[in-house]
Amino acid sequence: MRKHAFAPRSRARSRRLRIVCIMAAFAAIFAGAFIRLAQLGMEEEAGRETRLPYDRAPGGRPAIVDRNGQLLATDIPIASLYIEPRSIPDLDEAVEKLTAIFPELDAGELHSRLRSKDAFTWIKRQIPPDKQQAVIDSGLAAVGFRPENQRLYPNGSLAAHILGAVDIDNFGIAGIEKWIDANWLADLRGAGLALKGRDLQPVELSIDLRVQYAMEQELGKAVTKFGAAAGAGLLLDVTNGEILALASYPAFDPNNPVDAFKPDRINRVTAGVFEMGSTFKALTTAMALESGRFDLESVVDASRPLSFGRQRIHDYRGKYRPLTVPEAFIHSSNIVMAKMAMTLGPEALRTFLGRFGVLSQLATELPESAAPLRPSSWSEVTTATVSFGHGIAVTPLQASMAVAALANGGRLIRPTFIKDSPVSERTIAESLLSANTSEAIRHLLRLNAAVGSATKADVPGYVIGGKTGTAEKVVQGRYSKVLNVTSFMGIVPADNPRYLLLTLLDEPRGLAETYGNRTSGWNAVPLGGALLHRILPMLLKPVFPSPSGAEAVPVATGEPSVDDSSSD
């Protein structure tokens, strides 16, 4: 009887145990399914994140300012629009609304991209606030906004060839912007530091925005007036190599960086090479004087052209008589320059030009830099032609650096675009000239501005010196008889130089007011004069002669003046 009394209780306990086990099994199944779903969700989210191009974002960039603290470039916050195609509830509605907000989008191409069911795709990078609000108001699903930095150049095209540009991801692609990345910003990013622009010290450039504006404005007017294909300008401090202004025309707007890579928008001062014509005669004359075989009283016969087989070297509107060295300089005698160079020999000329940095590529902060086109061999005829800037093409910045060294006493300084860059670290060579030779070159430059081909650059209150250059342009491997490149290099004050000004016009045309002339004295020099009139009062105090008499300029030429700015 006792055995049968416990049987119902035992069976009930067994039933409850089975129920508990079944419930536990179901709980385990549901728990496993939940965990797996959570894992899948996290994997999908992680996969989506890795497909978002967040790793391309460079973070902020430092502001760029001029030497007086004026803003040239800065970052501004902006949003970019993306969408998750596989989460779009209604594809046709999404395409219709997006193309209504962004009419520039191609509906067919957009429909194809959104149909792909990718985890992520960009719709529009760096959209303005009103477009962002329009997207929000549209109620579109599966869209999102990514905060980014957009580079803003508040002065538009001003100083564009110095500043350069950035790409859509805020990486530097040209000019100082590219130098900033290569010099140190890329290292910060590589270390994992995504800094904001305001966390970085501004980059202070050596340029003066006031001078830069004047240069670009006057250059643009001159290019238009003379119908030139292009133009360029530069203001260089000869005492420390700092560049206060650099302009190349036509320019581009770095806010629209695609224009920076158009062939006609190159930086002609650093990335273009030109035969600089008679501006090279300053170097040839310095070499001759430094050799001790010539001085300012030396006389060289320029009565007849030089002949090299079928080639002849003659003077442009020459005097065709014996000339003193100062006469040869202000009358820009090719014959005299060639004879002095040939007297010293090919090796002497090549060595001298090499010491002044015009035979090798010049490196500055700007990555856009061209190598010179120099003779493959230095024959007697090559020596003769190179002496007056024919048969050798250099960047205008190289030529300016060399003439600056002539003016500052023989110190060759690598130019810079960075304010207060240590001069000692950029000094390539010292004492390239004796004090007497440098003083003689300054005298000749002043003489040429007073009574020679550079008279149209003179500015009351300032002692200007300068040399002109007109070179036949090479077109399809041949020298053109109708197209020129004209240039002018001026120094101020000529007796104790502080600044060097370069102006250059590519293919200027003759005008009625120039009597059809298209040489440097009629276009590049007046451009230089207009610039000096505007910028010198910003930089130097004028000095006027005393009432008792005007400045006396010694002229050892026997003639009162050159033929009205026609010689180069």
Protein backbone atom coordinates (compact mmCIF):
# COMPACT_ATOMS: atom_id res chain seq x y z
CA MET A 1 0.00 0.00 0.00
CA ARG A 2 2.89 2.44 0.84
CA LYS A 3 4.42 1.88 -2.59
CA HIS A 4 1.31 2.88 -4.46
CA ALA A 5 0.82 6.02 -2.25
CA PHE A 6 4.08 7.62 -3.49
CA ALA A 7 3.65 6.82 -7.24
CA PRO A 8 1.42 9.84 -8.17
CA ARG A 9 3.78 12.27 -6.42
CA SER A 10 6.82 10.84 -8.20
CA ARG A 11 5.18 11.10 -11.62
CA ALA A 12 4.19 14.75 -10.96
CA ARG A 13 7.75 15.64 -10.01
CA SER A 14 9.07 13.98 -13.18
CA ARG A 15 6.58 15.92 -15.31
CA ARG A 16 7.64 19.24 -13.80
CA LEU A 17 11.29 18.41 -14.40
CA ARG A 18 10.64 17.67 -18.06
CA ILE A 19 8.75 20.96 -18.43
CA VAL A 20 11.61 22.89 -16.82
CA CYS A 21 14.12 21.20 -19.12
CA ILE A 22 12.03 22.00 -22.19
CA MET A 23 11.65 25.62 -21.09
CA ALA A 24 15.36 25.86 -20.44
CA ALA A 25 16.10 24.43 -23.89
CA PHE A 26 13.79 26.96 -25.54
CA ALA A 27 15.34 29.77 -23.51
CA ALA A 28 18.80 28.66 -24.59
CA ILE A 29 17.69 28.52 -28.22
CA PHE A 30 16.15 31.99 -28.03
CA ALA A 31 19.18 33.36 -26.18
CA GLY A 32 21.52 31.91 -28.80
CA ALA A 33 19.42 33.34 -31.60
CA PHE A 34 19.36 36.74 -29.93
CA ILE A 35 23.12 36.74 -29.40
CA ARG A 36 23.71 35.69 -33.00
CA LEU A 37 21.42 38.40 -34.30
CA ALA A 38 23.22 40.93 -32.16
CA GLN A 39 26.55 39.69 -33.53
CA LEU A 40 25.30 39.93 -37.07
CA GLY A 41 24.07 43.44 -36.42
CA MET A 42 27.39 44.50 -34.98
CA GLU A 43 29.30 42.89 -37.87
CA GLU A 44 27.08 44.67 -40.37
CA GLU A 45 27.58 47.99 -38.60
CA ALA A 46 31.31 47.42 -38.37
CA GLY A 47 31.43 46.50 -42.03
CA ARG A 48 29.46 49.60 -42.89
CA GLU A 49 31.85 51.76 -40.90
CA THR A 50 34.90 50.33 -42.62
CA ARG A 51 33.33 51.11 -45.97
CA LEU A 52 32.74 54.72 -45.05
CA PRO A 53 35.75 56.78 -46.19
CA TYR A 54 36.27 58.33 -42.77
CA ASP A 55 39.89 57.32 -42.86
CA ARG A 56 40.44 59.74 -45.73
CA ALA A 57 39.56 62.79 -43.69
CA PRO A 58 42.76 64.73 -42.91
CA GLY A 59 41.23 66.90 -40.23
CA GLY A 60 42.01 70.60 -40.06
CA ARG A 61 44.68 72.68 -41.73
CA PRO A 62 46.48 75.69 -40.30
CA ALA A 63 45.40 79.14 -41.38
CA ILE A 64 47.74 80.97 -43.74
CA VAL A 65 48.44 84.68 -43.22
CA ASP A 66 50.63 87.28 -44.90
CA ARG A 67 53.58 88.98 -43.23
CA ASN A 68 51.22 91.48 -41.55
CA GLY A 69 48.77 88.87 -40.26
CA GLN A 70 46.17 89.31 -43.01
CA LEU A 71 44.18 86.10 -43.56
CA LEU A 72 44.90 84.26 -46.82
CA ALA A 73 43.43 80.79 -46.20
CA THR A 74 41.41 79.08 -43.47
CA ASP A 75 39.09 76.12 -42.79
CA ILE A 76 35.32 76.44 -42.46
CA PRO A 77 32.98 73.68 -41.22
CA ILE A 78 30.70 72.18 -43.83
CA ALA A 79 28.60 69.04 -44.34
CA SER A 80 28.77 66.32 -46.99
CA LEU A 81 25.71 64.22 -47.89
CA TYR A 82 25.74 60.42 -48.09
CA ILE A 83 23.07 57.74 -48.36
CA GLU A 84 22.75 54.04 -47.48
CA PRO A 85 21.37 52.46 -50.67
CA ARG A 86 20.30 49.16 -49.11
CA SER A 87 18.18 51.02 -46.56
CA ILE A 88 16.23 53.12 -49.08
CA PRO A 89 12.49 52.31 -48.82
CA ASP A 90 11.52 53.89 -52.16
CA LEU A 91 14.27 54.21 -54.79
CA ASP A 92 12.32 56.30 -57.27
CA GLU A 93 11.25 58.76 -54.60
CA ALA A 94 14.84 59.13 -53.40
CA VAL A 95 16.13 59.87 -56.91
CA GLU A 96 13.32 62.33 -57.59
CA LYS A 97 13.86 64.30 -54.39
CA LEU A 98 17.67 64.34 -54.64
CA THR A 99 17.71 65.56 -58.26
CA ALA A 100 15.17 68.23 -57.36
CA ILE A 101 17.53 69.55 -54.68
CA PHE A 102 20.70 68.99 -56.74
CA PRO A 103 19.75 69.53 -60.41
CA GLU A 104 23.34 68.94 -61.48
CA LEU A 105 23.05 65.24 -60.53
CA ASP A 106 22.36 62.82 -63.38
CA ALA A 107 19.14 60.96 -62.54
CA GLY A 108 20.07 57.82 -64.49
CA GLU A 109 23.52 57.54 -62.99
CA LEU A 110 22.16 58.20 -59.49
CA HIS A 111 19.42 55.58 -59.94
CA SER A 112 22.05 53.04 -60.99
CA ARG A 113 24.25 53.78 -57.95
CA LEU A 114 21.39 53.61 -55.46
CA ARG A 115 20.11 50.34 -56.92
CA SER A 116 23.41 48.65 -56.06
CA LYS A 117 22.38 48.09 -52.41
CA ASP A 118 25.79 49.16 -51.15
CA ALA A 119 26.17 50.09 -47.51
CA PHE A 120 27.32 53.63 -48.36
CA THR A 121 27.68 56.10 -51.22
CA TRP A 122 28.34 59.82 -51.44
CA ILE A 123 25.61 61.99 -52.91
CA LYS A 124 27.31 65.39 -52.70
CA ARG A 125 30.46 66.58 -51.01
CA GLN A 126 30.61 69.90 -49.21
CA ILE A 127 27.07 71.15 -49.66
CA PRO A 128 25.96 74.65 -48.59
CA PRO A 129 23.70 75.05 -45.53
CA ASP A 130 20.58 75.79 -47.59
CA LYS A 131 20.95 72.53 -49.50
CA GLN A 132 21.50 70.64 -46.26
CA GLN A 133 18.27 72.09 -44.87
CA ALA A 134 16.43 71.19 -48.07
CA VAL A 135 17.50 67.55 -47.68
CA ILE A 136 16.31 67.55 -44.07
CA ASP A 137 12.99 69.10 -45.06
CA SER A 138 12.48 66.49 -47.80
CA GLY A 139 12.10 63.74 -45.18
CA LEU A 140 14.32 61.36 -47.13
CA ALA A 141 15.19 58.14 -45.32
CA ALA A 142 18.65 56.52 -45.22
CA VAL A 143 20.54 59.81 -45.69
CA GLY A 144 23.16 61.28 -43.39
CA PHE A 145 25.55 64.22 -43.13
CA ARG A 146 29.23 63.98 -42.44
CA PRO A 147 30.90 67.08 -40.92
CA GLU A 148 34.01 68.10 -42.86
CA ASN A 149 36.39 71.01 -43.38
CA GLN A 150 36.31 73.13 -46.50
CA ARG A 151 39.26 75.34 -47.38
CA LEU A 152 38.30 78.95 -47.91
CA TYR A 153 40.44 81.55 -49.68
CA PRO A 154 38.73 84.84 -48.76
CA ASN A 155 40.68 86.88 -51.33
CA GLY A 156 39.73 84.70 -54.28
CA SER A 157 42.48 84.49 -56.90
CA LEU A 158 44.82 86.86 -55.03
CA ALA A 159 48.19 85.15 -54.45
CA ALA A 160 46.78 81.93 -55.89
CA HIS A 161 50.09 80.77 -57.40
CA ILE A 162 51.73 81.09 -54.00
CA LEU A 163 48.96 79.56 -51.91
CA GLY A 164 48.19 76.68 -54.28
CA ALA A 165 45.07 74.63 -53.56
CA VAL A 166 43.64 71.59 -51.74
CA ASP A 167 41.53 68.72 -53.03
CA ILE A 168 38.03 67.73 -51.94
CA ASP A 169 39.46 65.89 -48.93
CA ASN A 170 41.44 68.96 -47.79
CA PHE A 171 44.83 67.61 -48.81
CA GLY A 172 47.29 70.08 -50.34
CA ILE A 173 47.79 69.56 -54.07
CA ALA A 174 49.78 72.66 -55.09
CA GLY A 175 51.74 75.63 -53.79
CA ILE A 176 52.26 76.36 -50.12
CA GLU A 177 49.30 74.11 -49.29
CA LYS A 178 51.18 71.12 -50.68
CA TRP A 179 54.37 72.21 -48.92
CA ILE A 180 52.53 72.34 -45.57
CA ASP A 181 51.45 68.72 -45.99
CA ALA A 182 54.88 67.52 -47.09
CA ASN A 183 56.76 69.53 -44.49
CA TRP A 184 54.96 68.59 -41.28
CA LEU A 185 51.17 68.24 -41.46
CA ALA A 186 51.33 64.75 -42.96
CA ASP A 187 53.53 63.65 -40.05
CA LEU A 188 50.92 64.83 -37.55
CA ARG A 189 48.22 62.89 -39.37
CA GLY A 190 50.48 59.85 -39.55
CA ALA A 191 50.80 60.02 -35.77
CA GLY A 192 47.02 59.82 -35.51
CA LEU A 193 46.50 63.47 -34.56
CA ALA A 194 43.32 64.75 -36.21
CA LEU A 195 43.71 68.36 -35.14
CA LYS A 196 41.38 71.19 -35.91
CA GLY A 197 42.67 74.19 -37.80
CA ARG A 198 42.35 76.44 -34.77
CA ASP A 199 44.66 74.09 -32.83
CA LEU A 200 47.51 74.76 -35.29
CA GLN A 201 49.80 77.76 -35.46
CA PRO A 202 49.10 79.89 -38.57
CA VAL A 203 51.68 79.72 -41.34
CA GLU A 204 53.13 83.22 -41.83
CA LEU A 205 54.15 83.95 -45.39
CA SER A 206 56.68 86.56 -46.44
CA ILE A 207 54.29 88.16 -48.92
CA ASP A 208 52.66 91.53 -48.30
CA LEU A 209 49.02 91.41 -49.35
CA ARG A 210 49.02 95.11 -50.24
CA VAL A 211 51.97 94.70 -52.59
CA GLN A 212 50.51 91.47 -53.98
CA TYR A 213 47.24 93.22 -54.82
CA ALA A 214 49.00 96.10 -56.56
CA MET A 215 51.18 93.71 -58.56
CA GLU A 216 48.29 91.56 -59.76
CA GLN A 217 46.19 94.59 -60.66
CA GLU A 218 48.95 96.31 -62.65
CA LEU A 219 50.00 93.05 -64.31
CA GLY A 220 46.46 92.37 -65.45
CA LYS A 221 46.14 95.88 -66.87
CA ALA A 222 49.44 95.58 -68.75
CA VAL A 223 48.60 92.17 -70.23
CA THR A 224 45.30 93.58 -71.47
CA LYS A 225 46.80 96.82 -72.76
CA PHE A 226 49.60 95.17 -74.73
CA GLY A 227 47.54 92.18 -75.85
CA ALA A 228 50.05 89.80 -74.25
CA ALA A 229 49.41 86.08 -73.96
CA ALA A 230 50.56 86.07 -70.33
CA GLY A 231 52.60 87.93 -67.78
CA ALA A 232 54.45 87.60 -64.49
CA GLY A 233 55.85 89.71 -61.67
CA LEU A 234 58.00 89.35 -58.57
CA LEU A 235 59.21 91.54 -55.70
CA LEU A 236 62.21 90.13 -53.82
CA ASP A 237 64.04 91.44 -50.76
CA VAL A 238 67.70 91.18 -51.84
CA THR A 239 68.96 91.32 -48.26
CA ASN A 240 67.24 88.15 -47.04
CA GLY A 241 65.62 86.47 -50.05
CA GLU A 242 62.04 86.95 -48.83
CA ILE A 243 59.45 87.25 -51.58
CA LEU A 244 56.95 90.03 -50.93
CA ALA A 245 54.83 89.40 -54.01
CA LEU A 246 54.64 86.93 -56.88
CA ALA A 247 52.06 87.04 -59.64
CA SER A 248 51.43 85.02 -62.78
CA TYR A 249 48.71 85.90 -65.27
CA PRO A 250 46.28 84.37 -66.04
CA ALA A 251 45.61 83.24 -62.49
CA PHE A 252 43.03 80.87 -60.98
CA ASP A 253 40.72 80.85 -57.99
CA PRO A 254 41.91 78.29 -55.40
CA ASN A 255 38.30 78.03 -54.22
CA ASN A 256 37.81 76.20 -57.54
CA PRO A 257 41.03 74.16 -57.60
CA VAL A 258 40.33 72.35 -60.87
CA ASP A 259 41.44 75.52 -62.69
CA ALA A 260 44.89 75.30 -61.10
CA PHE A 261 45.90 72.53 -63.51
CA LYS A 262 44.91 74.23 -66.73
CA PRO A 263 48.04 74.59 -68.92
CA ASP A 264 47.77 78.37 -69.20
CA ARG A 265 47.54 78.84 -65.42
CA ILE A 266 51.05 77.67 -64.53
CA ASN A 267 53.22 79.69 -62.19
CA ARG A 268 55.45 81.34 -64.79
CA VAL A 269 57.87 82.67 -62.16
CA THR A 270 58.90 79.25 -60.80
CA ALA A 271 57.54 76.67 -63.26
CA GLY A 272 58.11 78.46 -66.55
CA VAL A 273 61.45 78.81 -68.31
CA PHE A 274 62.27 81.73 -70.58
CA GLU A 275 65.21 83.18 -72.41
CA MET A 276 65.65 86.27 -70.28
CA GLY A 277 67.40 88.25 -72.99
CA SER A 278 69.54 91.23 -72.07
CA THR A 279 68.93 90.94 -68.34
CA PHE A 280 71.69 88.30 -68.60
CA LYS A 281 74.08 91.07 -69.64
CA ALA A 282 74.31 92.15 -66.01
CA LEU A 283 75.85 88.75 -65.23
CA THR A 284 78.19 88.85 -68.25
CA THR A 285 79.34 92.36 -67.39
CA ALA A 286 79.93 91.36 -63.76
CA MET A 287 82.01 88.39 -64.91
CA ALA A 288 84.09 90.63 -67.18
CA LEU A 289 84.72 93.20 -64.45
CA GLU A 290 85.45 90.56 -61.81
CA SER A 291 88.06 88.95 -64.09
CA GLY A 292 90.21 92.10 -63.93
CA ARG A 293 90.63 92.10 -67.71
CA PHE A 294 87.92 94.73 -68.15
CA ASP A 295 86.87 97.81 -66.20
CA LEU A 296 84.41 100.66 -66.65
CA GLU A 297 86.89 102.50 -68.88
CA SER A 298 87.54 99.53 -71.19
CA VAL A 299 86.61 100.01 -74.84
CA VAL A 300 85.42 97.16 -77.05
CA ASP A 301 84.96 97.46 -80.78
CA ALA A 302 81.33 97.01 -81.85
CA SER A 303 81.79 98.41 -85.34
CA ARG A 304 80.84 95.25 -87.19
CA PRO A 305 78.66 92.21 -86.49
CA LEU A 306 80.29 88.98 -85.36
CA SER A 307 80.25 86.11 -87.85
CA PHE A 308 80.22 82.39 -87.07
CA GLY A 309 79.94 80.71 -90.44
CA ARG A 310 76.44 81.59 -91.63
CA GLN A 311 75.43 82.95 -88.23
CA ARG A 312 75.82 86.62 -87.46
CA ILE A 313 75.53 88.47 -84.16
CA HIS A 314 74.57 92.12 -84.43
CA ASP A 315 73.23 94.84 -82.16
CA TYR A 316 69.60 95.87 -82.12
CA ARG A 317 69.75 99.49 -83.29
CA GLY A 318 73.42 99.47 -82.40
CA LYS A 319 75.93 102.32 -82.64
CA TYR A 320 78.41 100.26 -84.68
CA ARG A 321 81.48 101.90 -83.24
CA PRO A 322 83.83 101.23 -80.33
CA LEU A 323 81.91 101.33 -77.02
CA THR A 324 82.97 101.72 -73.42
CA VAL A 325 81.60 99.14 -70.98
CA PRO A 326 78.98 101.58 -69.62
CA GLU A 327 77.95 102.44 -73.19
CA ALA A 328 77.72 98.76 -74.07
CA PHE A 329 75.51 98.22 -71.03
CA ILE A 330 73.03 101.02 -71.65
CA HIS A 331 72.99 100.46 -75.44
CA SER A 332 72.65 96.73 -74.73
CA SER A 333 75.35 95.68 -77.17
CA ASN A 334 75.26 91.99 -78.05
CA ILE A 335 78.57 92.35 -79.85
CA VAL A 336 80.43 93.73 -76.82
CA MET A 337 78.96 91.13 -74.46
CA ALA A 338 79.87 88.32 -76.84
CA LYS A 339 83.42 89.61 -77.25
CA MET A 340 83.97 89.95 -73.50
CA ALA A 341 82.64 86.42 -72.89
CA MET A 342 84.73 84.95 -75.72
CA THR A 343 87.84 86.69 -74.36
CA LEU A 344 87.36 84.91 -71.02
CA GLY A 345 86.32 81.62 -72.64
CA PRO A 346 83.44 79.11 -72.44
CA GLU A 347 84.55 77.53 -69.19
CA ALA A 348 84.76 80.89 -67.43
CA LEU A 349 81.20 81.79 -68.46
CA ARG A 350 79.78 78.40 -67.54
CA THR A 351 81.52 78.44 -64.16
CA PHE A 352 80.38 81.99 -63.40
CA LEU A 353 76.75 81.30 -64.29
CA GLY A 354 76.86 78.06 -62.29
CA ARG A 355 78.09 79.89 -59.21
CA PHE A 356 75.11 82.23 -59.47
CA GLY A 357 72.64 79.34 -59.57
CA VAL A 358 71.20 79.65 -63.08
CA LEU A 359 72.41 76.29 -64.40
CA SER A 360 70.66 74.05 -61.87
CA GLN A 361 67.08 73.64 -60.69
CA LEU A 362 66.09 76.01 -57.91
CA ALA A 363 64.15 74.57 -54.95
CA THR A 364 61.88 76.72 -52.79
CA GLU A 365 58.81 75.95 -50.69
CA LEU A 366 56.71 75.87 -53.85
CA PRO A 367 56.75 72.38 -55.39
CA GLU A 368 56.17 73.87 -58.85
CA SER A 369 59.74 74.32 -60.08
CA ALA A 370 61.22 73.91 -63.54
CA ALA A 371 64.78 72.98 -64.45
CA PRO A 372 66.70 75.37 -66.73
CA LEU A 373 67.27 74.57 -70.38
CA ARG A 374 71.01 74.98 -70.77
CA PRO A 375 73.36 74.36 -73.70
CA SER A 376 74.48 70.78 -74.21
CA SER A 377 77.93 72.01 -75.24
CA TRP A 378 79.72 75.29 -74.71
CA SER A 379 81.25 76.13 -78.07
CA GLU A 380 82.52 79.56 -79.01
CA VAL A 381 79.21 80.51 -80.63
CA THR A 382 77.28 79.20 -77.59
CA THR A 383 79.46 81.33 -75.33
CA ALA A 384 78.74 84.34 -77.50
CA THR A 385 74.95 83.89 -77.54
CA VAL A 386 74.56 82.92 -73.88
CA SER A 387 76.42 86.11 -72.92
CA PHE A 388 73.35 88.12 -73.95
CA GLY A 389 70.71 85.66 -72.74
CA HIS A 390 70.14 83.78 -76.00
CA GLY A 391 70.25 79.96 -76.10
CA ILE A 392 69.66 79.45 -72.38
CA ALA A 393 66.25 79.41 -70.66
CA VAL A 394 65.80 79.74 -66.90
CA THR A 395 62.96 80.45 -64.51
CA PRO A 396 62.42 84.15 -63.80
CA LEU A 397 62.97 83.41 -60.11
CA GLN A 398 66.42 81.96 -60.84
CA ALA A 399 67.40 84.98 -62.89
CA SER A 400 66.11 87.30 -60.14
CA MET A 401 68.10 85.45 -57.47
CA ALA A 402 71.27 85.84 -59.54
CA VAL A 403 70.81 89.57 -60.19
CA ALA A 404 69.96 90.07 -56.51
CA ALA A 405 73.35 88.57 -55.66
CA LEU A 406 75.02 91.06 -58.01
CA ALA A 407 73.25 93.91 -56.23
CA ASN A 408 73.71 92.83 -52.60
CA GLY A 409 77.48 92.43 -52.73
CA GLY A 410 77.77 88.83 -53.92
CA ARG A 411 75.60 86.86 -51.48
CA LEU A 412 73.50 84.21 -53.22
CA ILE A 413 70.39 83.57 -51.12
CA ARG A 414 67.76 80.96 -51.90
CA PRO A 415 64.41 82.78 -52.07
CA THR A 416 61.68 81.94 -49.58
CA PHE A 417 57.93 82.45 -49.15
CA ILE A 418 58.09 82.02 -45.36
CA LYS A 419 58.46 85.04 -43.11
CA ASP A 420 61.63 85.16 -41.00
CA SER A 421 63.05 81.99 -42.53
CA PRO A 422 66.70 81.87 -41.31
CA VAL A 423 68.93 83.50 -43.92
CA SER A 424 71.99 81.51 -42.89
CA GLU A 425 70.25 78.24 -43.77
CA ARG A 426 69.37 79.55 -47.23
CA THR A 427 72.68 81.18 -48.12
CA ILE A 428 74.08 79.21 -51.04
CA ALA A 429 77.31 81.17 -51.43
CA GLU A 430 79.05 84.23 -50.01
CA SER A 431 81.43 86.76 -51.57
CA LEU A 432 80.75 85.79 -55.17
CA LEU A 433 81.85 89.30 -56.18
CA SER A 434 84.27 91.87 -54.92
CA ALA A 435 82.83 95.03 -53.41
CA ASN A 436 84.14 97.04 -56.38
CA THR A 437 82.40 94.83 -58.94
CA SER A 438 79.09 94.91 -57.08
CA GLU A 439 79.29 98.70 -56.79
CA ALA A 440 80.06 98.97 -60.51
CA ILE A 441 77.04 96.84 -61.43
CA ARG A 442 74.79 98.97 -59.23
CA HIS A 443 76.17 102.07 -60.95
CA LEU A 444 75.45 100.60 -64.40
CA LEU A 445 71.93 99.62 -63.40
CA ARG A 446 71.29 103.14 -62.14
CA LEU A 447 72.79 104.60 -65.29
CA ASN A 448 70.50 102.51 -67.45
CA ALA A 449 67.43 103.70 -65.53
CA ALA A 450 68.58 107.31 -65.71
CA VAL A 451 69.54 107.59 -69.40
CA GLY A 452 69.20 104.11 -70.89
CA SER A 453 66.44 101.68 -71.85
CA ALA A 454 64.82 101.68 -68.38
CA THR A 455 63.98 105.39 -68.06
CA LYS A 456 60.24 104.68 -67.99
CA ALA A 457 60.70 102.93 -64.63
CA ASP A 458 62.00 106.00 -62.83
CA VAL A 459 60.01 107.16 -59.78
CA PRO A 460 60.50 110.60 -58.19
CA GLY A 461 61.97 110.32 -54.71
CA TYR A 462 63.58 106.93 -55.28
CA VAL A 463 66.87 105.90 -56.85
CA ILE A 464 65.95 103.19 -59.34
CA GLY A 465 68.34 100.96 -61.27
CA GLY A 466 67.41 98.39 -63.87
CA LYS A 467 68.09 96.30 -66.95
CA THR A 468 65.73 95.41 -69.75
CA GLY A 469 65.51 92.21 -71.76
CA THR A 470 63.82 91.29 -75.03
CA ALA A 471 64.12 87.75 -76.35
CA GLU A 472 62.72 86.15 -79.47
CA LYS A 473 60.27 83.46 -78.45
CA VAL A 474 60.90 79.87 -79.44
CA VAL A 475 57.86 78.47 -81.27
CA GLN A 476 57.92 74.83 -82.42
CA GLY A 477 61.70 74.72 -82.11
CA ARG A 478 62.36 77.91 -84.07
CA TYR A 479 62.93 81.51 -83.06
CA SER A 480 59.98 83.66 -84.03
CA LYS A 481 60.60 87.02 -85.66
CA VAL A 482 57.24 88.40 -84.51
CA LEU A 483 56.80 87.05 -80.95
CA ASN A 484 58.88 88.26 -78.02
CA VAL A 485 59.23 87.73 -74.30
CA THR A 486 60.07 91.04 -72.63
CA SER A 487 61.34 91.55 -69.10
CA PHE A 488 62.63 94.17 -66.72
CA MET A 489 64.66 93.84 -63.54
CA GLY A 490 64.84 96.86 -61.30
CA ILE A 491 66.61 97.45 -57.99
CA VAL A 492 65.80 100.10 -55.39
CA PRO A 493 67.50 102.02 -53.90
CA ALA A 494 70.19 101.55 -56.53
CA ASP A 495 72.93 102.86 -54.25
CA ASN A 496 72.03 100.52 -51.38
CA PRO A 497 69.58 97.91 -52.77
CA ARG A 498 66.76 96.54 -50.69
CA TYR A 499 64.28 95.26 -53.28
CA LEU A 500 64.41 93.71 -56.74
CA LEU A 501 61.38 93.97 -59.01
CA LEU A 502 60.86 91.66 -61.98
CA THR A 503 58.21 92.16 -64.65
CA LEU A 504 57.67 89.89 -67.64
CA LEU A 505 55.27 89.96 -70.59
CA ASP A 506 54.82 87.03 -72.95
CA GLU A 507 54.07 88.00 -76.56
CA PRO A 508 53.25 91.70 -76.06
CA ARG A 509 52.01 93.58 -79.14
CA GLY A 510 53.17 96.88 -80.54
CA LEU A 511 50.74 99.76 -80.11
CA ALA A 512 50.25 103.11 -81.81
CA GLU A 513 51.57 104.84 -78.69
CA THR A 514 54.72 102.68 -78.81
CA TYR A 515 55.12 103.39 -82.55
CA GLY A 516 54.70 99.70 -83.18
CA ASN A 517 57.62 98.79 -80.91
CA ARG A 518 57.21 95.71 -78.72
CA THR A 519 60.59 95.63 -76.96
CA SER A 520 60.94 95.72 -73.20
CA GLY A 521 61.49 99.46 -72.85
CA TRP A 522 58.01 100.04 -74.25
CA ASN A 523 56.01 97.55 -72.17
CA ALA A 524 57.77 95.63 -69.36
CA VAL A 525 59.52 98.79 -68.15
CA PRO A 526 56.37 100.97 -68.00
CA LEU A 527 54.71 98.10 -66.15
CA GLY A 528 57.62 98.15 -63.70
CA GLY A 529 57.32 101.92 -63.33
CA ALA A 530 53.59 101.72 -62.60
CA LEU A 531 54.24 99.05 -59.99
CA LEU A 532 57.07 100.95 -58.33
CA HIS A 533 54.90 104.08 -58.16
CA ARG A 534 52.29 102.11 -56.21
CA ILE A 535 54.36 99.89 -53.93
CA LEU A 536 57.43 101.92 -52.99
CA PRO A 537 55.52 104.36 -50.73
CA MET A 538 54.33 101.32 -48.76
CA LEU A 539 57.88 100.08 -48.22
CA LEU A 540 60.40 102.94 -48.34
CA LYS A 541 60.44 106.63 -47.55
CA PRO A 542 61.10 108.84 -50.58
CA VAL A 543 64.20 111.02 -50.67
CA PHE A 544 63.99 114.17 -52.79
CA PRO A 545 66.97 116.23 -53.96
CA SER A 546 67.74 119.45 -52.16
CA PRO A 547 66.43 122.67 -53.70
CA SER A 548 69.97 123.58 -54.73
CA GLY A 549 70.08 120.93 -57.43
CA ALA A 550 68.86 117.59 -58.72
CA GLU A 551 70.61 114.30 -58.35
CA ALA A 552 73.72 114.10 -60.49
CA VAL A 553 74.27 110.87 -62.34
CA PRO A 554 77.75 110.44 -63.84
CA VAL A 555 77.54 109.40 -67.49
CA ALA A 556 80.76 108.30 -69.17
CA THR A 557 79.18 107.63 -72.54
CA GLY A 558 79.77 110.82 -74.49
CA GLU A 559 76.07 110.81 -75.47
CA PRO A 560 73.13 112.31 -73.59
CA SER A 561 70.76 109.35 -73.84
CA VAL A 562 69.82 106.14 -75.54
CA ASP A 563 67.37 106.14 -78.46
CA ASP A 564 64.14 106.48 -76.43
CA SER A 565 63.92 103.13 -74.69
CA SER A 566 64.40 101.12 -77.87
CA SER A 567 67.54 99.19 -76.92
CA ASP A 568 67.43 96.00 -74.90
